[in-house]
C-alpha atoms as a PDB file:
ATOM      1  CA  MET A   1     220.129-127.424 157.605  1.00  0.00           C
ATOM      2  CA  SER A   2     219.589-125.075 154.668  1.00  0.00           C
ATOM      3  CA  ARG A   3     220.229-121.386 155.085  1.00  0.00           C
ATOM      4  CA  LEU A   4     217.892-118.740 153.809  1.00  0.00           C
ATOM      5  CA  PRO A   5     219.487-115.738 152.133  1.00  0.00           C
ATOM      6  CA  PHE A   6     219.640-112.566 154.185  1.00  0.00           C
ATOM      7  CA  ILE A   7     217.758-109.816 152.355  1.00  0.00           C
ATOM      8  CA  LEU A   8     218.257-106.148 153.138  1.00  0.00           C
ATOM      9  CA  PRO A   9     215.387-103.796 152.397  1.00  0.00           C
ATOM     10  CA  ASN A  10     216.308-101.135 149.875  1.00  0.00           C
ATOM     11  CA  GLY A  11     214.908 -98.373 152.099  1.00  0.00           C
ATOM     12  CA  LYS A  12     212.754 -97.045 149.287  1.00  0.00           C
ATOM     13  CA  SER A  13     209.353 -97.990 150.588  1.00  0.00           C
ATOM     14  CA  ALA A  14     206.514 -96.015 149.145  1.00  0.00           C
ATOM     15  CA  ALA A  15     205.220 -93.243 151.370  1.00  0.00           C
ATOM     16  CA  PRO A  16     201.526 -93.498 152.200  1.00  0.00           C
ATOM     17  CA  ARG A  17     199.339 -91.325 150.039  1.00  0.00           C
ATOM     18  CA  THR A  18     197.528 -88.423 151.645  1.00  0.00           C
ATOM     19  CA  ALA A  19     194.127 -89.950 150.912  1.00  0.00           C
ATOM     20  CA  GLU A  20     195.076 -93.170 152.723  1.00  0.00           C
ATOM     21  CA  VAL A  21     196.366 -91.239 155.730  1.00  0.00           C
ATOM     22  CA  LEU A  22     193.155 -89.192 155.870  1.00  0.00           C
ATOM     23  CA  ASP A  23     191.032 -92.334 155.668  1.00  0.00           C
ATOM     24  CA  VAL A  24     192.881 -93.876 158.621  1.00  0.00           C
ATOM     25  CA  ALA A  25     192.555 -90.650 160.624  1.00  0.00           C
ATOM     26  CA  ALA A  26     188.840 -90.436 159.772  1.00  0.00           C
ATOM     27  CA  ARG A  27     188.316 -94.014 160.977  1.00  0.00           C
ATOM     28  CA  HIS A  28     190.007 -93.166 164.277  1.00  0.00           C
ATOM     29  CA  LEU A  29     187.740 -90.125 164.593  1.00  0.00           C
ATOM     30  CA  VAL A  30     184.732 -92.429 164.173  1.00  0.00           C
ATOM     31  CA  TYR A  31     186.042 -94.758 166.907  1.00  0.00           C
ATOM     32  CA  LYS A  32     186.703 -91.850 169.293  1.00  0.00           C
ATOM     33  CA  LEU A  33     183.289 -90.323 168.598  1.00  0.00           C
ATOM     34  CA  TYR A  34     181.612 -93.693 169.152  1.00  0.00           C
ATOM     35  CA  ASP A  35     183.260 -93.975 172.572  1.00  0.00           C
ATOM     36  CA  ALA A  36     182.692 -90.310 173.468  1.00  0.00           C
ATOM     37  CA  THR A  37     178.947 -90.606 172.808  1.00  0.00           C
ATOM     38  CA  ASP A  38     178.709 -93.755 174.956  1.00  0.00           C
ATOM     39  CA  LYS A  39     177.645 -95.640 171.831  1.00  0.00           C
ATOM     40  CA  LEU A  40     174.264 -93.870 171.834  1.00  0.00           C
ATOM     41  CA  ARG A  41     172.512 -93.505 168.498  1.00  0.00           C
ATOM     42  CA  GLY A  42     171.945 -89.888 167.502  1.00  0.00           C
ATOM     43  CA  ALA A  43     174.118 -88.463 170.272  1.00  0.00           C
ATOM     44  CA  TRP A  44     176.142 -85.324 169.518  1.00  0.00           C
ATOM     45  CA  HIS A  45     179.590 -84.536 170.854  1.00  0.00           C
ATOM     46  CA  ALA A  46     181.660 -81.355 170.680  1.00  0.00           C
ATOM     47  CA  LEU A  47     184.812 -81.706 168.581  1.00  0.00           C
ATOM     48  CA  GLY A  48     186.831 -79.520 170.899  1.00  0.00           C
ATOM     49  CA  ASN A  49     188.943 -80.295 173.884  1.00  0.00           C
ATOM     50  CA  ILE A  50     188.313 -84.030 174.100  1.00  0.00           C
ATOM     51  CA  ILE A  51     188.420 -84.922 170.412  1.00  0.00           C
ATOM     52  CA  ARG A  52     191.054 -82.757 168.736  1.00  0.00           C
ATOM     53  CA  GLU A  53     190.953 -83.413 165.029  1.00  0.00           C
ATOM     54  CA  LYS A  54     192.244 -81.558 162.030  1.00  0.00           C
ATOM     55  CA  PRO A  55     189.576 -80.056 159.767  1.00  0.00           C
ATOM     56  CA  ALA A  56     190.741 -82.315 156.910  1.00  0.00           C
ATOM     57  CA  THR A  57     190.091 -85.407 159.038  1.00  0.00           C
ATOM     58  CA  VAL A  58     186.598 -84.265 159.962  1.00  0.00           C
ATOM     59  CA  ALA A  59     185.904 -83.359 156.322  1.00  0.00           C
ATOM     60  CA  ARG A  60     186.994 -86.854 155.185  1.00  0.00           C
ATOM     61  CA  ALA A  61     184.707 -88.530 157.729  1.00  0.00           C
ATOM     62  CA  VAL A  62     181.818 -86.346 156.508  1.00  0.00           C
ATOM     63  CA  GLU A  63     182.727 -87.068 152.863  1.00  0.00           C
ATOM     64  CA  ARG A  64     182.698 -90.817 153.573  1.00  0.00           C
ATOM     65  CA  GLY A  65     179.243 -90.503 155.130  1.00  0.00           C
ATOM     66  CA  TRP A  66     180.386 -91.621 158.580  1.00  0.00           C
ATOM     67  CA  VAL A  67     179.818 -88.331 160.444  1.00  0.00           C
ATOM     68  CA  VAL A  68     177.522 -85.310 160.290  1.00  0.00           C
ATOM     69  CA  THR A  69     178.513 -81.986 161.831  1.00  0.00           C
ATOM     70  CA  ARG A  70     176.790 -78.842 163.026  1.00  0.00           C
ATOM     71  CA  GLU A  71     177.929 -75.500 164.429  1.00  0.00           C
ATOM     72  CA  VAL A  72     176.256 -74.174 167.551  1.00  0.00           C
ATOM     73  CA  GLY A  73     176.656 -70.673 168.917  1.00  0.00           C
ATOM     74  CA  LEU A  74     177.269 -67.184 167.615  1.00  0.00           C
ATOM     75  CA  GLY A  75     180.313 -65.330 166.337  1.00  0.00           C
ATOM     76  CA  LYS A  76     183.673 -66.529 167.614  1.00  0.00           C
ATOM     77  CA  ASN A  77     181.998 -68.742 170.184  1.00  0.00           C
ATOM     78  CA  LYS A  78     180.823 -71.289 167.623  1.00  0.00           C
ATOM     79  CA  LEU A  79     181.266 -74.881 168.666  1.00  0.00           C
ATOM     80  CA  LEU A  80     181.539 -77.703 166.130  1.00  0.00           C
ATOM     81  CA  SER A  81     179.672 -80.848 167.156  1.00  0.00           C
ATOM     82  CA  ALA A  82     179.484 -84.197 165.417  1.00  0.00           C
ATOM     83  CA  SER A  83     177.258 -87.247 165.381  1.00  0.00           C
ATOM     84  CA  LEU A  84     177.760 -90.638 163.785  1.00  0.00           C
ATOM     85  CA  THR A  85     175.580 -91.712 160.891  1.00  0.00           C
ATOM     86  CA  SER A  86     174.287 -95.274 160.631  1.00  0.00           C
ATOM     87  CA  GLU A  87     177.284 -96.108 158.447  1.00  0.00           C
ATOM     88  CA  GLY A  88     179.634 -94.556 160.985  1.00  0.00           C
ATOM     89  CA  ARG A  89     178.116 -96.548 163.846  1.00  0.00           C
ATOM     90  CA  LEU A  90     178.415 -99.743 161.819  1.00  0.00           C
ATOM     91  CA  LEU A  91     182.064 -98.980 161.037  1.00  0.00           C
ATOM     92  CA  ALA A  92     182.779 -98.256 164.707  1.00  0.00           C
ATOM     93  CA  ARG A  93     181.101-101.469 165.888  1.00  0.00           C
ATOM     94  CA  LYS A  94     183.033-103.542 163.348  1.00  0.00           C
ATOM     95  CA  GLY A  95     186.304-101.860 164.251  1.00  0.00           C
ATOM     96  CA  ARG A  96     185.953-102.452 167.987  1.00  0.00           C
END
């Protein structure tokens, strides 16, 4: 029986780049929004208590064309809502 050499990792793996991390987070936002809207086309959902996302994650999803957002309300009581685009729905269906 031949023995394979035991290789130790050097511990210097490359850290993920910020853009890659944001893309992954934006994809997860799309999946959560898809579920939160019961998979209904054109449905809007508040990005508040149920879907807590960082502004950078939401911005990346908008930049990628997966999500559109709107603010509803006045003054400090504004509520940010989001809806999936056709591309976002396609991504969510493929990812599920």
